[in-house]
Amino acid sequence: MTITAQAAASVGASPKDVLDFVLDLNQYRQVDSKIQRVRSVDGPDDEGRGSVRIWGKVKGFPPAPDRQEFVLERWTKLTFTGAPRQPARLVFDFTGIIACQERPDGTTDVTHSYEFRFKGLFRLAERNLGKWLQDQIEEELEALAERF
């Protein structure tokens, strides 16, 4: 089973400003409480690819280290995926997307989505995480909009 959550907001900034803010994970963790600590951010390279090492927290699980790869489609979309061969992949696969669409008035429509795919016995946790994840993404996007 897959748990998904999605939220949208209008932000008073350009898509570049929004995605630059997200890529500055030490700043972004102020609006995303799931990010406990940022160890490193590598990239994006010329093709928009990079990776991050973080300590993340999902309800019901202890904080754990993870590595995520990302692809930046300048300046419209940023996609994070759980990197292979990481301890967290024993528990779940992850995809997070932030898509930006600039409006004529200079604001940006931001759509943010998460997809978690739990594995094995960890699927038992899915039932309790759906509402929590939806609440988290809505709070995250509201806090992002307030930053601009």
N, C-alpha and C. Protein backbone atom coordinates (compact mmCIF):
# COMPACT_ATOMS: atom_id res chain seq x y z
N MET A 1 0.84 -1.19 0.00
CA MET A 1 0.00 0.00 0.00
C MET A 1 0.88 1.24 0.00
N THR A 2 0.35 2.30 -0.52
CA THR A 2 1.06 3.56 -0.60
C THR A 2 0.28 4.62 0.15
N ILE A 3 1.00 5.44 0.92
CA ILE A 3 0.39 6.59 1.59
C ILE A 3 0.80 7.82 0.79
N THR A 4 -0.19 8.61 0.41
CA THR A 4 0.10 9.85 -0.31
C THR A 4 -0.52 11.03 0.42
N ALA A 5 0.09 12.17 0.26
CA ALA A 5 -0.44 13.42 0.81
C ALA A 5 -0.08 14.51 -0.17
N GLN A 6 -0.97 15.49 -0.29
CA GLN A 6 -0.72 16.59 -1.22
C GLN A 6 -1.37 17.86 -0.69
N ALA A 7 -0.72 18.99 -0.93
CA ALA A 7 -1.27 20.29 -0.56
C ALA A 7 -0.79 21.31 -1.59
N ALA A 8 -1.52 22.43 -1.66
CA ALA A 8 -1.17 23.50 -2.59
C ALA A 8 -1.35 24.84 -1.90
N ALA A 9 -0.54 25.81 -2.34
CA ALA A 9 -0.63 27.16 -1.79
C ALA A 9 -0.09 28.14 -2.82
N SER A 10 -0.51 29.37 -2.69
CA SER A 10 0.03 30.46 -3.49
C SER A 10 1.08 31.17 -2.65
N VAL A 11 2.25 31.38 -3.23
CA VAL A 11 3.39 31.94 -2.50
C VAL A 11 3.83 33.24 -3.18
N GLY A 12 4.14 34.25 -2.39
CA GLY A 12 4.56 35.54 -2.92
C GLY A 12 6.03 35.57 -3.27
N ALA A 13 6.45 34.67 -4.14
CA ALA A 13 7.85 34.59 -4.57
C ALA A 13 7.91 33.90 -5.92
N SER A 14 9.05 34.01 -6.58
CA SER A 14 9.24 33.34 -7.87
C SER A 14 9.48 31.84 -7.64
N PRO A 15 9.25 31.01 -8.67
CA PRO A 15 9.57 29.59 -8.54
C PRO A 15 11.04 29.37 -8.15
N LYS A 16 11.95 30.16 -8.71
CA LYS A 16 13.37 30.01 -8.36
C LYS A 16 13.60 30.27 -6.88
N ASP A 17 12.99 31.34 -6.35
CA ASP A 17 13.15 31.64 -4.92
C ASP A 17 12.60 30.52 -4.05
N VAL A 18 11.45 29.97 -4.44
CA VAL A 18 10.85 28.87 -3.67
C VAL A 18 11.76 27.65 -3.68
N LEU A 19 12.20 27.23 -4.87
CA LEU A 19 13.01 26.01 -4.96
C LEU A 19 14.40 26.20 -4.38
N ASP A 20 14.97 27.40 -4.49
CA ASP A 20 16.24 27.68 -3.81
C ASP A 20 16.08 27.54 -2.30
N PHE A 21 14.97 28.03 -1.77
CA PHE A 21 14.70 27.92 -0.33
C PHE A 21 14.60 26.45 0.09
N VAL A 22 13.89 25.65 -0.70
CA VAL A 22 13.75 24.23 -0.37
C VAL A 22 15.11 23.54 -0.40
N LEU A 23 15.94 23.87 -1.38
CA LEU A 23 17.26 23.24 -1.47
C LEU A 23 18.21 23.68 -0.36
N ASP A 24 17.93 24.78 0.28
CA ASP A 24 18.69 25.18 1.46
C ASP A 24 18.06 24.47 2.65
N LEU A 25 18.33 23.18 2.77
CA LEU A 25 17.62 22.36 3.74
C LEU A 25 17.78 22.81 5.18
N ASN A 26 18.89 23.47 5.51
CA ASN A 26 19.02 23.99 6.87
C ASN A 26 17.97 25.07 7.13
N GLN A 27 17.62 25.84 6.11
CA GLN A 27 16.52 26.81 6.23
C GLN A 27 15.18 26.10 6.15
N TYR A 28 15.06 25.18 5.19
CA TYR A 28 13.77 24.54 4.94
C TYR A 28 13.31 23.69 6.13
N ARG A 29 14.23 23.17 6.89
CA ARG A 29 13.82 22.35 8.04
C ARG A 29 13.04 23.16 9.06
N GLN A 30 13.11 24.48 8.97
CA GLN A 30 12.31 25.33 9.86
C GLN A 30 10.82 25.24 9.52
N VAL A 31 10.48 24.84 8.30
CA VAL A 31 9.08 24.66 7.92
C VAL A 31 8.70 23.19 7.80
N ASP A 32 9.68 22.29 7.84
CA ASP A 32 9.43 20.85 7.73
C ASP A 32 9.98 20.16 8.97
N SER A 33 9.09 19.87 9.92
CA SER A 33 9.52 19.28 11.19
C SER A 33 10.00 17.84 11.05
N LYS A 34 9.78 17.22 9.89
CA LYS A 34 10.27 15.85 9.69
C LYS A 34 11.78 15.82 9.51
N ILE A 35 12.36 16.93 9.09
CA ILE A 35 13.82 17.02 8.92
C ILE A 35 14.41 17.42 10.27
N GLN A 36 15.09 16.49 10.91
CA GLN A 36 15.66 16.73 12.23
C GLN A 36 17.04 17.38 12.14
N ARG A 37 17.83 16.93 11.18
CA ARG A 37 19.20 17.44 11.04
C ARG A 37 19.66 17.27 9.59
N VAL A 38 20.41 18.23 9.10
CA VAL A 38 20.96 18.16 7.75
C VAL A 38 22.45 17.90 7.87
N ARG A 39 22.90 16.80 7.28
CA ARG A 39 24.34 16.48 7.30
C ARG A 39 25.05 17.07 6.10
N SER A 40 24.44 16.96 4.91
CA SER A 40 25.08 17.52 3.72
C SER A 40 24.08 17.67 2.59
N VAL A 41 24.40 18.59 1.70
CA VAL A 41 23.66 18.78 0.45
C VAL A 41 24.70 18.86 -0.65
N ASP A 42 24.64 17.95 -1.60
CA ASP A 42 25.56 17.94 -2.73
C ASP A 42 24.77 18.21 -4.00
N GLY A 43 25.11 19.30 -4.69
CA GLY A 43 24.41 19.64 -5.91
C GLY A 43 23.44 20.78 -5.67
N PRO A 44 22.72 21.12 -6.71
CA PRO A 44 22.56 20.38 -7.95
C PRO A 44 23.71 20.61 -8.92
N ASP A 45 23.97 19.59 -9.74
CA ASP A 45 24.98 19.72 -10.78
C ASP A 45 24.36 20.40 -12.00
N ASP A 46 25.07 20.41 -13.12
CA ASP A 46 24.58 21.07 -14.33
C ASP A 46 23.29 20.44 -14.86
N GLU A 47 23.06 19.17 -14.53
CA GLU A 47 21.85 18.49 -14.98
C GLU A 47 20.74 18.56 -13.94
N GLY A 48 20.99 19.27 -12.83
CA GLY A 48 19.98 19.41 -11.79
C GLY A 48 19.95 18.28 -10.78
N ARG A 49 20.94 17.39 -10.84
CA ARG A 49 20.96 16.23 -9.94
C ARG A 49 21.82 16.50 -8.71
N GLY A 50 21.42 15.87 -7.61
CA GLY A 50 22.19 16.01 -6.38
C GLY A 50 21.68 15.02 -5.34
N SER A 51 22.21 15.16 -4.13
CA SER A 51 21.77 14.29 -3.04
C SER A 51 21.89 15.05 -1.72
N VAL A 52 21.12 14.58 -0.75
CA VAL A 52 21.15 15.15 0.59
C VAL A 52 21.28 14.01 1.59
N ARG A 53 21.94 14.32 2.68
CA ARG A 53 22.01 13.39 3.82
C ARG A 53 21.36 14.11 4.99
N ILE A 54 20.33 13.47 5.53
CA ILE A 54 19.58 14.08 6.62
C ILE A 54 19.29 13.06 7.72
N TRP A 55 18.85 13.56 8.85
CA TRP A 55 18.20 12.74 9.87
C TRP A 55 16.74 13.12 9.79
N GLY A 56 15.88 12.14 9.54
CA GLY A 56 14.46 12.41 9.40
C GLY A 56 13.64 11.72 10.47
N LYS A 57 12.43 12.21 10.66
CA LYS A 57 11.53 11.67 11.68
C LYS A 57 10.15 11.47 11.09
N VAL A 58 9.66 10.25 11.17
CA VAL A 58 8.31 9.90 10.78
C VAL A 58 7.59 9.43 12.04
N LYS A 59 6.35 9.87 12.22
CA LYS A 59 5.59 9.53 13.43
C LYS A 59 5.65 8.03 13.71
N GLY A 60 5.96 7.70 14.96
CA GLY A 60 6.00 6.31 15.37
C GLY A 60 7.34 5.63 15.17
N PHE A 61 8.29 6.32 14.55
CA PHE A 61 9.62 5.77 14.31
C PHE A 61 10.66 6.70 14.92
N PRO A 62 11.77 6.16 15.39
CA PRO A 62 12.82 7.05 15.92
C PRO A 62 13.49 7.82 14.78
N PRO A 63 14.08 8.98 15.08
CA PRO A 63 14.84 9.69 14.05
C PRO A 63 15.91 8.77 13.47
N ALA A 64 16.10 8.85 12.16
CA ALA A 64 17.06 7.96 11.50
C ALA A 64 17.77 8.69 10.37
N PRO A 65 19.02 8.29 10.09
CA PRO A 65 19.73 8.89 8.97
C PRO A 65 19.17 8.38 7.65
N ASP A 66 19.24 9.23 6.65
CA ASP A 66 18.78 8.84 5.32
C ASP A 66 19.55 9.64 4.28
N ARG A 67 19.62 9.09 3.10
CA ARG A 67 20.18 9.79 1.96
C ARG A 67 19.10 9.81 0.90
N GLN A 68 18.88 10.98 0.34
CA GLN A 68 17.89 11.13 -0.72
C GLN A 68 18.55 11.79 -1.92
N GLU A 69 18.17 11.29 -3.07
CA GLU A 69 18.64 11.89 -4.32
C GLU A 69 17.58 12.87 -4.79
N PHE A 70 18.01 13.90 -5.51
CA PHE A 70 17.02 14.84 -6.03
C PHE A 70 17.34 15.22 -7.46
N VAL A 71 16.29 15.66 -8.15
CA VAL A 71 16.40 16.19 -9.51
C VAL A 71 15.67 17.52 -9.51
N LEU A 72 16.38 18.57 -9.88
CA LEU A 72 15.80 19.90 -10.02
C LEU A 72 15.56 20.17 -11.49
N GLU A 73 14.30 20.38 -11.85
CA GLU A 73 13.95 20.82 -13.20
C GLU A 73 13.79 22.33 -13.10
N ARG A 74 14.86 23.02 -13.47
CA ARG A 74 14.93 24.47 -13.25
C ARG A 74 13.83 25.18 -14.01
N TRP A 75 13.08 26.00 -13.45
CA TRP A 75 12.73 26.26 -12.05
C TRP A 75 11.27 25.93 -11.87
N THR A 76 10.93 24.69 -12.18
CA THR A 76 9.53 24.29 -12.14
C THR A 76 9.24 23.15 -11.17
N LYS A 77 10.24 22.30 -10.91
CA LYS A 77 9.94 21.10 -10.13
C LYS A 77 11.20 20.57 -9.45
N LEU A 78 11.01 20.07 -8.24
CA LEU A 78 12.08 19.44 -7.48
C LEU A 78 11.55 18.12 -6.95
N THR A 79 12.24 17.03 -7.28
CA THR A 79 11.80 15.70 -6.87
C THR A 79 12.88 15.04 -6.02
N PHE A 80 12.50 14.62 -4.81
CA PHE A 80 13.37 13.87 -3.92
C PHE A 80 12.93 12.41 -3.92
N THR A 81 13.90 11.49 -4.00
CA THR A 81 13.59 10.07 -3.87
C THR A 81 14.59 9.44 -2.90
N GLY A 82 14.11 8.48 -2.13
CA GLY A 82 14.99 7.78 -1.21
C GLY A 82 16.07 7.04 -1.99
N ALA A 83 17.32 7.29 -1.63
CA ALA A 83 18.44 6.66 -2.33
C ALA A 83 18.48 5.16 -2.02
N PRO A 84 18.91 4.35 -2.97
CA PRO A 84 19.00 2.91 -2.72
C PRO A 84 20.10 2.59 -1.71
N ARG A 85 20.02 1.39 -1.18
CA ARG A 85 21.02 0.85 -0.26
C ARG A 85 21.21 1.72 0.99
N GLN A 86 20.11 2.26 1.49
CA GLN A 86 20.12 3.01 2.74
C GLN A 86 19.28 2.24 3.75
N PRO A 87 19.61 2.32 5.04
CA PRO A 87 18.82 1.61 6.05
C PRO A 87 17.32 1.93 5.97
N ALA A 88 16.99 3.16 5.67
CA ALA A 88 15.57 3.54 5.60
C ALA A 88 14.82 2.77 4.51
N ARG A 89 15.51 2.31 3.46
CA ARG A 89 14.84 1.57 2.39
C ARG A 89 14.36 0.21 2.87
N LEU A 90 14.87 -0.26 4.01
CA LEU A 90 14.34 -1.49 4.60
C LEU A 90 12.94 -1.27 5.15
N VAL A 91 12.62 -0.02 5.46
CA VAL A 91 11.33 0.33 6.06
C VAL A 91 10.37 0.89 5.01
N PHE A 92 10.83 1.84 4.20
CA PHE A 92 9.95 2.46 3.22
C PHE A 92 10.73 3.05 2.06
N ASP A 93 10.04 3.18 0.93
CA ASP A 93 10.51 3.98 -0.21
C ASP A 93 9.80 5.32 -0.12
N PHE A 94 10.42 6.36 -0.65
CA PHE A 94 9.91 7.71 -0.48
C PHE A 94 10.09 8.51 -1.75
N THR A 95 9.07 9.30 -2.09
CA THR A 95 9.17 10.31 -3.14
C THR A 95 8.49 11.57 -2.64
N GLY A 96 9.17 12.69 -2.78
CA GLY A 96 8.59 13.99 -2.43
C GLY A 96 8.77 14.93 -3.61
N ILE A 97 7.71 15.64 -3.96
CA ILE A 97 7.75 16.54 -5.13
C ILE A 97 7.25 17.92 -4.73
N ILE A 98 7.96 18.93 -5.19
CA ILE A 98 7.50 20.31 -5.07
C ILE A 98 7.48 20.87 -6.49
N ALA A 99 6.27 21.21 -6.95
CA ALA A 99 6.10 21.74 -8.30
C ALA A 99 5.66 23.20 -8.21
N CYS A 100 6.22 24.04 -9.06
CA CYS A 100 5.94 25.48 -9.04
C CYS A 100 5.43 25.94 -10.40
N GLN A 101 4.41 26.78 -10.36
CA GLN A 101 3.86 27.38 -11.58
C GLN A 101 3.73 28.88 -11.33
N GLU A 102 4.53 29.67 -12.06
CA GLU A 102 4.47 31.12 -11.87
C GLU A 102 3.19 31.68 -12.47
N ARG A 103 2.59 32.62 -11.74
CA ARG A 103 1.37 33.28 -12.19
C ARG A 103 1.71 34.65 -12.77
N PRO A 104 0.84 35.21 -13.60
CA PRO A 104 1.11 36.53 -14.20
C PRO A 104 1.32 37.64 -13.17
N ASP A 105 0.74 37.50 -11.99
CA ASP A 105 0.89 38.55 -10.98
C ASP A 105 2.19 38.45 -10.19
N GLY A 106 3.06 37.49 -10.55
CA GLY A 106 4.35 37.36 -9.89
C GLY A 106 4.36 36.39 -8.73
N THR A 107 3.19 35.88 -8.35
CA THR A 107 3.14 34.87 -7.30
C THR A 107 3.36 33.50 -7.93
N THR A 108 3.52 32.50 -7.10
CA THR A 108 3.77 31.14 -7.58
C THR A 108 2.80 30.18 -6.92
N ASP A 109 2.15 29.35 -7.73
CA ASP A 109 1.35 28.26 -7.20
C ASP A 109 2.30 27.10 -6.92
N VAL A 110 2.30 26.66 -5.67
CA VAL A 110 3.18 25.57 -5.25
C VAL A 110 2.32 24.37 -4.89
N THR A 111 2.64 23.23 -5.48
CA THR A 111 1.99 21.97 -5.13
C THR A 111 3.06 21.05 -4.57
N HIS A 112 2.78 20.50 -3.40
CA HIS A 112 3.74 19.65 -2.71
C HIS A 112 3.08 18.30 -2.46
N SER A 113 3.79 17.23 -2.75
CA SER A 113 3.22 15.89 -2.52
C SER A 113 4.28 14.95 -1.96
N TYR A 114 3.79 13.98 -1.20
CA TYR A 114 4.62 12.92 -0.64
C TYR A 114 4.01 11.59 -1.01
N GLU A 115 4.89 10.61 -1.18
CA GLU A 115 4.44 9.23 -1.36
C GLU A 115 5.38 8.34 -0.55
N PHE A 116 4.80 7.61 0.39
CA PHE A 116 5.54 6.64 1.19
C PHE A 116 5.02 5.25 0.85
N ARG A 117 5.93 4.31 0.62
CA ARG A 117 5.59 2.92 0.35
C ARG A 117 6.30 2.06 1.39
N PHE A 118 5.55 1.67 2.43
CA PHE A 118 6.14 0.89 3.51
C PHE A 118 6.30 -0.57 3.09
N LYS A 119 7.26 -1.23 3.72
CA LYS A 119 7.61 -2.60 3.35
C LYS A 119 7.39 -3.56 4.52
N GLY A 120 7.10 -4.80 4.16
CA GLY A 120 6.99 -5.86 5.16
C GLY A 120 6.04 -5.51 6.29
N LEU A 121 6.44 -5.86 7.50
CA LEU A 121 5.61 -5.61 8.68
C LEU A 121 5.41 -4.12 8.95
N PHE A 122 6.26 -3.29 8.40
CA PHE A 122 6.11 -1.84 8.60
C PHE A 122 4.84 -1.31 7.94
N ARG A 123 4.24 -2.11 7.06
CA ARG A 123 2.97 -1.70 6.45
C ARG A 123 1.88 -1.52 7.51
N LEU A 124 2.04 -2.17 8.65
CA LEU A 124 1.06 -2.03 9.73
C LEU A 124 0.97 -0.59 10.22
N ALA A 125 2.03 0.17 10.05
CA ALA A 125 2.05 1.57 10.51
C ALA A 125 1.26 2.49 9.58
N GLU A 126 1.01 2.06 8.35
CA GLU A 126 0.37 2.92 7.36
C GLU A 126 -0.97 3.46 7.83
N ARG A 127 -1.74 2.62 8.49
CA ARG A 127 -3.08 3.01 8.91
C ARG A 127 -3.06 4.27 9.78
N ASN A 128 -2.02 4.39 10.61
CA ASN A 128 -1.94 5.51 11.54
C ASN A 128 -1.21 6.73 10.97
N LEU A 129 -0.63 6.60 9.80
CA LEU A 129 0.21 7.68 9.27
C LEU A 129 -0.46 8.56 8.22
N GLY A 130 -1.53 8.11 7.62
CA GLY A 130 -2.15 8.87 6.53
C GLY A 130 -2.59 10.27 6.95
N LYS A 131 -3.38 10.37 8.01
CA LYS A 131 -3.86 11.68 8.47
C LYS A 131 -2.69 12.52 8.97
N TRP A 132 -1.77 11.91 9.70
CA TRP A 132 -0.61 12.64 10.21
C TRP A 132 0.18 13.25 9.05
N LEU A 133 0.42 12.46 7.99
CA LEU A 133 1.19 12.95 6.86
C LEU A 133 0.45 14.09 6.14
N GLN A 134 -0.86 13.96 5.98
CA GLN A 134 -1.62 15.03 5.34
C GLN A 134 -1.56 16.31 6.18
N ASP A 135 -1.71 16.18 7.49
CA ASP A 135 -1.59 17.35 8.38
C ASP A 135 -0.21 17.98 8.26
N GLN A 136 0.83 17.15 8.21
CA GLN A 136 2.20 17.64 8.11
C GLN A 136 2.43 18.44 6.84
N ILE A 137 1.97 17.91 5.72
CA ILE A 137 2.23 18.59 4.45
C ILE A 137 1.45 19.90 4.36
N GLU A 138 0.25 19.94 4.93
CA GLU A 138 -0.51 21.19 4.94
C GLU A 138 0.16 22.24 5.82
N GLU A 139 0.64 21.83 7.01
CA GLU A 139 1.36 22.75 7.89
C GLU A 139 2.65 23.24 7.23
N GLU A 140 3.33 22.33 6.56
CA GLU A 140 4.59 22.67 5.89
C GLU A 140 4.37 23.72 4.80
N LEU A 141 3.35 23.53 3.99
CA LEU A 141 3.09 24.48 2.90
C LEU A 141 2.59 25.82 3.44
N GLU A 142 1.80 25.78 4.49
CA GLU A 142 1.35 27.02 5.13
C GLU A 142 2.55 27.81 5.66
N ALA A 143 3.47 27.12 6.32
CA ALA A 143 4.68 27.77 6.84
C ALA A 143 5.56 28.29 5.70
N LEU A 144 5.63 27.55 4.60
CA LEU A 144 6.40 28.00 3.43
C LEU A 144 5.81 29.30 2.89
N ALA A 145 4.49 29.35 2.74
CA ALA A 145 3.84 30.55 2.22
C ALA A 145 4.09 31.75 3.14
N GLU A 146 4.11 31.52 4.44
CA GLU A 146 4.35 32.60 5.40
C GLU A 146 5.78 33.14 5.32
N ARG A 147 6.72 32.32 4.87
CA ARG A 147 8.12 32.75 4.74
C ARG A 147 8.30 33.83 3.68
N PHE A 148 7.40 33.85 2.72
CA PHE A 148 7.53 34.81 1.63
C PHE A 148 6.46 35.86 1.79
